[in-house]
Amino acid sequence: MAAPPLPNPFLPPFSFTSYRQSPNLYFPASTAIAGSRWATPFVSCSATTVRVGEGVNPDDYHSTLRALNSKGRVPRKSLGQHYMLNSSINEQLAAAANVKEGDVVLEIGPGTGSLTNVLINSGATVLAVEKDSYMAALVDERFANTNRLKVLNEDFVKCHVSSHMMSFLKSIELSEARSQPAKVVSNIPFNISTDIIKQLLPMGDIFSEVVLLLQEEAALRLVETSLRRSEYRPINVFVNFYSDPELKFKVPRTNFFPQPNVDAAVVSFKLKQAADCPAVSSTKSFFSMVNSAFNGKRKMLRKSLQHICTSSEIEKALEDSSLPPTSRPEELSLDDFVRLHNLIVKQ
């Protein structure tokens, strides 16, 4: 896939201090309000404003700043806020999930609504979960004239997303015939990506696919399945237990505002139905065993799993699984862990 075009390299660099003191410095003279503290609001009738349904003026650097200024906001480091400046990335995100007319999409952290705009213009109905109350209000106002968006002002990692999605899907089913599962398409904060992945991937009964823009290093680590690598972790076992991950494309850091210190990448997780997940007697005991194995990563499994059964029983189970008795966790695939669990964990 061809690399997306980069934003204008001559845009002024971001500074939290200068942005707070003089936000109009980040706009062309034609878009600033003389003598005003804030630049032209995002919801004004300016020529560069993006409105739902128009689909002619993509979100860019200046429209993002106008959106923030309309609420008197700066990106918050504590929330990991980095806003997308390149509309073509949002279009590729939606395309990676094949978002089409009639789809229901969960978006996490919509920010100023640039990706939300692409999703709605693709024909999707969106449930957006936004922790920042100012951004939640901004997105709600921006799309007030459409019935294809519901905004929840909640912390995603703490909210009952399953209950919210089921209620949302039922409300849609009452008004239109649909049966296909929902999708997740999001540019998420890098600092909570693991929490979000752990929450979403077991939800194959609700979602068919989860497409996320992640920190590049994390994205590559999640997709990489090679054994005997230092990057191989319990999260790799978890991801492959519940999904089939695929790296879609990379996104240079220059596409974000403010610019992060790392590049990003988009990963698609095709979720498995419960019947397609590996057969274990208990997922809780399975992942407990996997975590215990990696807690002693340099140790052999016959040592790190002694709290489950004796070393000799573990060695016997490894041999029955066609694995050497000296095996370490980074040497086992998902199927290996499943066989080992079913042999040594007594229910």
Protein backbone atom coordinates (compact mmCIF):
# COMPACT_ATOMS: atom_id res chain seq x y z
CA MET A 1 0.00 0.00 0.00
CA ALA A 2 1.34 3.40 -0.93
CA ALA A 3 2.41 5.68 1.90
CA PRO A 4 -0.11 8.46 2.67
CA PRO A 5 0.86 12.04 1.89
CA LEU A 6 2.44 13.97 4.72
CA PRO A 7 1.08 17.22 6.15
CA ASN A 8 2.63 20.52 5.11
CA PRO A 9 6.21 20.42 6.51
CA PHE A 10 6.21 24.23 6.91
CA LEU A 11 3.48 24.26 9.56
CA PRO A 12 4.66 25.90 12.80
CA PRO A 13 5.96 23.51 15.47
CA PHE A 14 3.71 22.92 18.45
CA SER A 15 4.50 24.33 21.89
CA PHE A 16 2.07 24.01 24.82
CA THR A 17 3.19 27.38 26.21
CA SER A 18 3.00 29.36 22.98
CA TYR A 19 -0.28 27.70 22.05
CA ARG A 20 -1.89 28.76 25.32
CA GLN A 21 -0.54 32.31 25.09
CA SER A 22 -1.05 32.99 21.36
CA PRO A 23 -3.16 30.33 19.60
CA ASN A 24 -3.73 32.63 16.60
CA LEU A 25 -0.04 32.29 15.70
CA TYR A 26 -0.91 28.81 14.41
CA PHE A 27 -3.40 30.11 11.83
CA PRO A 28 -3.12 32.04 8.58
CA ALA A 29 -4.07 35.70 9.02
CA SER A 30 -7.31 35.14 7.09
CA THR A 31 -8.66 32.71 9.68
CA ALA A 32 -7.76 34.58 12.87
CA ILE A 33 -10.02 36.98 14.70
CA ALA A 34 -8.22 40.27 15.26
CA GLY A 35 -7.89 41.12 18.92
CA SER A 36 -9.59 37.91 19.99
CA ARG A 37 -8.09 35.40 22.37
CA TRP A 38 -9.37 32.44 20.38
CA ALA A 39 -9.26 31.66 16.68
CA THR A 40 -12.34 31.08 14.56
CA PRO A 41 -14.52 28.37 16.19
CA PHE A 42 -14.65 24.99 14.49
CA VAL A 43 -18.43 25.15 14.08
CA SER A 44 -18.40 28.50 12.27
CA CYS A 45 -19.28 28.90 8.58
CA SER A 46 -15.68 29.38 7.45
CA ALA A 47 -14.67 27.92 4.10
CA THR A 48 -12.45 25.29 5.68
CA THR A 49 -14.99 23.95 8.17
CA VAL A 50 -15.94 20.30 7.66
CA ARG A 51 -19.66 19.66 8.01
CA VAL A 52 -21.37 16.29 8.20
CA GLY A 53 -22.51 15.08 4.81
CA GLU A 54 -20.50 17.59 2.75
CA GLY A 55 -17.39 15.41 2.47
CA VAL A 56 -15.48 18.08 0.55
CA ASN A 57 -13.15 19.70 3.07
CA PRO A 58 -11.10 17.12 5.00
CA ASP A 59 -9.90 17.83 8.51
CA ASP A 60 -6.39 19.28 8.59
CA TYR A 61 -3.93 21.10 10.83
CA HIS A 62 -5.88 24.35 11.02
CA SER A 63 -9.32 22.82 11.43
CA THR A 64 -7.94 20.69 14.28
CA LEU A 65 -6.64 23.79 16.04
CA ARG A 66 -9.93 25.60 15.47
CA ALA A 67 -11.73 22.66 17.03
CA LEU A 68 -9.53 22.78 20.12
CA ASN A 69 -9.76 26.57 20.36
CA SER A 70 -13.55 26.47 20.20
CA LYS A 71 -13.42 24.77 23.61
CA GLY A 72 -10.33 26.58 24.86
CA ARG A 73 -8.34 23.34 24.94
CA VAL A 74 -4.78 22.17 24.46
CA PRO A 75 -3.90 18.49 23.95
CA ARG A 76 -3.59 16.83 27.36
CA LYS A 77 -0.52 14.70 27.96
CA SER A 78 -2.29 12.84 30.79
CA LEU A 79 -4.87 11.56 28.28
CA GLY A 80 -2.30 10.75 25.60
CA GLN A 81 -4.01 13.15 23.19
CA HIS A 82 -2.37 13.35 19.75
CA TYR A 83 -4.76 14.51 17.03
CA MET A 84 -4.67 13.21 13.46
CA LEU A 85 -3.92 15.91 10.87
CA ASN A 86 -4.07 13.81 7.72
CA SER A 87 -7.57 12.94 6.52
CA SER A 88 -6.23 10.27 4.17
CA ILE A 89 -5.05 8.26 7.21
CA ASN A 90 -8.59 8.33 8.60
CA GLU A 91 -9.91 7.17 5.24
CA GLN A 92 -7.39 4.31 5.21
CA LEU A 93 -8.41 3.38 8.77
CA ALA A 94 -12.04 3.12 7.71
CA ALA A 95 -11.06 1.23 4.55
CA ALA A 96 -8.97 -1.25 6.58
CA ALA A 97 -12.18 -2.25 8.38
CA ASN A 98 -14.20 -2.08 5.15
CA VAL A 99 -16.64 0.35 6.79
CA LYS A 100 -19.73 0.65 4.63
CA GLU A 101 -23.36 1.73 4.63
CA GLY A 102 -25.27 0.16 7.52
CA ASP A 103 -22.24 -0.72 9.68
CA VAL A 104 -22.19 0.01 13.40
CA VAL A 105 -18.81 1.21 14.63
CA LEU A 106 -17.37 1.80 18.09
CA GLU A 107 -14.83 4.65 18.17
CA ILE A 108 -12.63 5.22 21.21
CA GLY A 109 -11.39 8.76 21.83
CA PRO A 110 -12.95 10.64 18.87
CA GLY A 111 -11.16 13.87 19.82
CA THR A 112 -12.24 16.59 17.38
CA GLY A 113 -14.23 14.12 15.29
CA SER A 114 -12.00 13.85 12.21
CA LEU A 115 -12.22 10.03 12.05
CA THR A 116 -15.86 10.17 13.17
CA ASN A 117 -16.58 12.32 10.11
CA VAL A 118 -15.09 9.72 7.77
CA LEU A 119 -16.99 6.87 9.46
CA ILE A 120 -20.34 8.67 9.23
CA ASN A 121 -19.72 9.74 5.63
CA SER A 122 -18.99 6.06 4.88
CA GLY A 123 -22.52 5.25 6.01
CA ALA A 124 -21.77 3.94 9.51
CA THR A 125 -23.62 4.62 12.75
CA VAL A 126 -21.08 5.40 15.47
CA LEU A 127 -20.92 4.96 19.23
CA ALA A 128 -18.08 7.25 20.39
CA VAL A 129 -16.59 6.96 23.87
CA GLU A 130 -14.65 10.07 24.96
CA LYS A 131 -13.13 10.61 28.42
CA ASP A 132 -12.47 14.35 27.93
CA SER A 133 -15.79 16.10 28.60
CA TYR A 134 -14.78 19.09 26.44
CA MET A 135 -14.02 16.89 23.44
CA ALA A 136 -17.20 14.86 24.03
CA ALA A 137 -19.22 18.08 23.90
CA LEU A 138 -17.37 19.28 20.80
CA VAL A 139 -18.05 16.06 18.86
CA ASP A 140 -21.67 16.03 20.01
CA GLU A 141 -22.11 19.60 18.76
CA ARG A 142 -20.28 18.97 15.51
CA PHE A 143 -22.59 16.12 14.50
CA ALA A 144 -25.78 17.44 16.10
CA ASN A 145 -27.59 17.37 12.75
CA THR A 146 -27.14 13.63 12.21
CA ASN A 147 -28.82 10.67 13.86
CA ARG A 148 -25.80 8.46 13.23
CA LEU A 149 -23.80 9.29 16.34
CA LYS A 150 -24.08 8.72 20.07
CA VAL A 151 -21.37 10.14 22.34
CA LEU A 152 -20.59 8.70 25.77
CA ASN A 153 -18.52 10.87 28.09
CA GLU A 154 -16.79 8.01 29.92
CA ASP A 155 -13.38 6.49 30.56
CA PHE A 156 -13.31 3.57 28.13
CA VAL A 157 -11.11 1.31 30.26
CA LYS A 158 -13.56 1.68 33.17
CA CYS A 159 -16.91 1.69 31.37
CA HIS A 160 -19.11 -1.35 30.68
CA VAL A 161 -18.55 -1.29 26.94
CA SER A 162 -20.35 -4.59 26.37
CA SER A 163 -23.55 -3.28 27.98
CA HIS A 164 -23.30 0.02 26.12
CA MET A 165 -22.80 -1.73 22.77
CA MET A 166 -25.63 -4.20 23.30
CA SER A 167 -28.04 -1.36 24.18
CA PHE A 168 -26.81 0.67 21.20
CA LEU A 169 -27.23 -2.26 18.80
CA LYS A 170 -30.72 -3.01 20.09
CA SER A 171 -31.79 0.60 19.62
CA ILE A 172 -30.57 0.48 16.02
CA GLU A 173 -32.21 -2.87 15.33
CA LEU A 174 -35.56 -1.40 16.39
CA SER A 175 -35.34 1.21 13.63
CA GLU A 176 -33.66 -0.76 10.84
CA ALA A 177 -33.07 -4.36 9.87
CA ARG A 178 -29.51 -5.45 10.55
CA SER A 179 -27.80 -8.59 11.80
CA GLN A 180 -24.08 -8.21 11.10
CA PRO A 181 -21.69 -7.72 14.05
CA ALA A 182 -20.26 -4.31 14.86
CA LYS A 183 -16.70 -3.10 14.26
CA VAL A 184 -14.16 -1.02 16.18
CA VAL A 185 -12.18 1.65 14.32
CA SER A 186 -10.10 4.00 16.46
CA ASN A 187 -7.02 6.17 16.79
CA ILE A 188 -6.42 5.37 20.45
CA PRO A 189 -4.10 6.90 23.08
CA PHE A 190 -0.85 4.95 23.02
CA ASN A 191 -0.62 4.83 26.82
CA ILE A 192 -3.74 2.66 27.24
CA SER A 193 -3.49 0.52 24.11
CA THR A 194 -2.82 -2.74 25.98
CA ASP A 195 -5.79 -2.16 28.31
CA ILE A 196 -8.06 -1.48 25.34
CA ILE A 197 -6.87 -4.58 23.47
CA LYS A 198 -7.43 -6.80 26.50
CA GLN A 199 -10.93 -5.41 26.87
CA LEU A 200 -11.98 -5.68 23.21
CA LEU A 201 -10.50 -8.88 21.79
CA PRO A 202 -12.61 -11.32 23.87
CA MET A 203 -15.76 -9.65 22.48
CA GLY A 204 -16.10 -11.70 19.29
CA ASP A 205 -19.81 -12.08 20.03
CA ILE A 206 -20.26 -8.32 19.43
CA PHE A 207 -17.43 -7.26 17.09
CA SER A 208 -16.18 -8.91 13.92
CA GLU A 209 -13.07 -6.75 13.60
CA VAL A 210 -11.02 -4.29 15.64
CA VAL A 211 -8.87 -1.82 13.67
CA LEU A 212 -6.59 0.32 15.84
CA LEU A 213 -3.92 2.92 15.23
CA LEU A 214 -1.14 2.04 17.69
CA GLN A 215 2.43 2.96 18.50
CA GLU A 216 4.49 1.28 15.76
CA GLU A 217 6.70 -0.70 18.12
CA ALA A 218 3.66 -2.06 19.97
CA ALA A 219 1.89 -2.83 16.70
CA LEU A 220 4.82 -4.84 15.35
CA ARG A 221 5.20 -6.69 18.64
CA LEU A 222 1.52 -7.68 18.69
CA VAL A 223 1.56 -8.98 15.13
CA GLU A 224 4.91 -10.77 15.43
CA THR A 225 4.43 -14.42 16.34
CA SER A 226 8.01 -15.68 16.08
CA LEU A 227 9.17 -17.68 19.06
CA ARG A 228 12.45 -17.33 20.91
CA ARG A 229 12.32 -13.53 20.72
CA SER A 230 12.67 -11.21 23.71
CA GLU A 231 9.53 -9.36 22.54
CA TYR A 232 7.39 -12.50 22.89
CA ARG A 233 5.05 -11.89 25.82
CA PRO A 234 1.77 -13.12 27.34
CA ILE A 235 -0.02 -10.45 25.29
CA ASN A 236 1.05 -12.30 22.10
CA VAL A 237 -0.60 -15.46 23.37
CA PHE A 238 -3.69 -13.44 24.35
CA VAL A 239 -3.95 -11.68 20.96
CA ASN A 240 -3.66 -14.93 18.98
CA PHE A 241 -6.05 -16.75 21.31
CA TYR A 242 -8.86 -14.31 20.51
CA SER A 243 -7.96 -12.95 17.06
CA ASP A 244 -5.99 -13.08 13.84
CA PRO A 245 -3.88 -9.88 13.79
CA GLU A 246 -2.56 -8.22 10.64
CA LEU A 247 -0.37 -5.15 10.17
CA LYS A 248 -2.13 -2.86 7.66
CA PHE A 249 0.14 0.17 7.19
CA LYS A 250 2.56 2.47 9.00
CA VAL A 251 1.89 6.11 9.91
CA PRO A 252 4.78 8.60 10.35
CA ARG A 253 4.70 10.72 13.53
CA THR A 254 4.51 13.90 11.42
CA ASN A 255 0.81 13.19 10.84
CA PHE A 256 -0.10 14.01 14.46
CA PHE A 257 -0.62 17.15 16.52
CA PRO A 258 1.25 17.52 18.76
CA GLN A 259 3.88 15.30 17.17
CA PRO A 260 4.68 12.27 19.37
CA ASN A 261 8.17 10.87 19.81
CA VAL A 262 7.31 7.65 17.98
CA ASP A 263 5.76 6.55 14.69
CA ALA A 264 2.47 4.67 14.53
CA ALA A 265 0.94 1.76 12.64
CA VAL A 266 -2.52 0.37 12.00
CA VAL A 267 -3.36 -3.21 13.01
CA SER A 268 -6.49 -5.16 12.16
CA PHE A 269 -7.62 -7.85 14.62
CA LYS A 270 -10.15 -10.28 13.07
CA LEU A 271 -11.97 -11.53 16.15
CA LYS A 272 -12.73 -15.20 16.67
CA GLN A 273 -16.12 -16.50 17.72
CA ALA A 274 -16.10 -18.45 20.98
CA ALA A 275 -16.34 -21.74 19.08
CA ASP A 276 -13.22 -20.84 17.08
CA CYS A 277 -11.03 -20.01 20.10
CA PRO A 278 -8.70 -22.73 21.42
CA ALA A 279 -10.47 -25.30 23.59
CA VAL A 280 -9.47 -24.82 27.23
CA SER A 281 -11.43 -25.79 30.32
CA SER A 282 -11.11 -22.26 31.72
CA THR A 283 -9.75 -19.12 30.08
CA LYS A 284 -9.05 -17.70 33.52
CA SER A 285 -6.82 -20.61 34.53
CA PHE A 286 -5.24 -20.70 31.06
CA PHE A 287 -4.08 -17.09 31.10
CA SER A 288 -3.07 -17.40 34.75
CA MET A 289 -0.78 -20.25 33.73
CA VAL A 290 0.62 -18.27 30.78
CA ASN A 291 1.34 -15.25 32.98
CA SER A 292 3.02 -17.43 35.58
CA ALA A 293 5.18 -19.00 32.89
CA PHE A 294 6.42 -15.60 31.70
CA ASN A 295 6.93 -14.26 35.21
CA GLY A 296 9.92 -16.55 35.30
CA LYS A 297 10.87 -16.06 31.67
CA ARG A 298 14.47 -17.15 32.14
CA LYS A 299 13.33 -20.18 34.08
CA MET A 300 12.32 -23.51 32.65
CA LEU A 301 8.59 -24.22 32.85
CA ARG A 302 9.17 -27.14 35.20
CA LYS A 303 10.36 -24.51 37.70
CA SER A 304 8.02 -21.56 37.06
CA LEU A 305 4.84 -23.70 37.08
CA GLN A 306 5.57 -25.72 40.20
CA HIS A 307 2.69 -24.01 42.01
CA ILE A 308 0.34 -25.86 39.64
CA CYS A 309 1.84 -29.36 39.87
CA THR A 310 5.15 -31.09 40.45
CA SER A 311 8.19 -30.71 38.21
CA SER A 312 7.96 -34.33 37.11
CA GLU A 313 4.32 -33.89 36.08
CA ILE A 314 5.23 -30.79 34.08
CA GLU A 315 8.11 -32.63 32.38
CA LYS A 316 5.75 -35.50 31.51
CA ALA A 317 3.17 -33.07 30.08
CA LEU A 318 5.86 -31.34 27.99
CA GLU A 319 7.04 -34.69 26.61
CA ASP A 320 3.43 -35.67 25.82
CA SER A 321 3.19 -32.37 23.90
CA SER A 322 6.36 -33.23 21.91
CA LEU A 323 8.32 -30.53 23.75
CA PRO A 324 11.66 -30.92 25.55
CA PRO A 325 11.45 -31.12 29.37
CA THR A 326 13.76 -28.06 29.57
CA SER A 327 11.32 -25.80 27.63
CA ARG A 328 11.04 -22.12 28.48
CA PRO A 329 7.93 -19.97 27.84
CA GLU A 330 9.31 -18.11 24.82
CA GLU A 331 9.69 -21.48 23.07
CA LEU A 332 5.98 -22.36 23.21
CA SER A 333 3.36 -21.41 20.64
CA LEU A 334 -0.28 -20.76 21.48
CA ASP A 335 -1.15 -24.38 20.64
CA ASP A 336 1.69 -25.59 22.87
CA PHE A 337 0.38 -23.57 25.81
CA VAL A 338 -3.14 -24.91 25.22
CA ARG A 339 -1.95 -28.54 25.24
CA LEU A 340 0.20 -27.96 28.32
CA HIS A 341 -2.66 -26.29 30.19
CA ASN A 342 -5.09 -29.08 29.41
CA LEU A 343 -2.60 -31.65 30.68
CA ILE A 344 -1.47 -30.05 33.96
CA VAL A 345 -4.37 -27.89 35.18
CA LYS A 346 -6.85 -29.95 37.13
CA GLN A 347 -10.41 -28.59 37.27
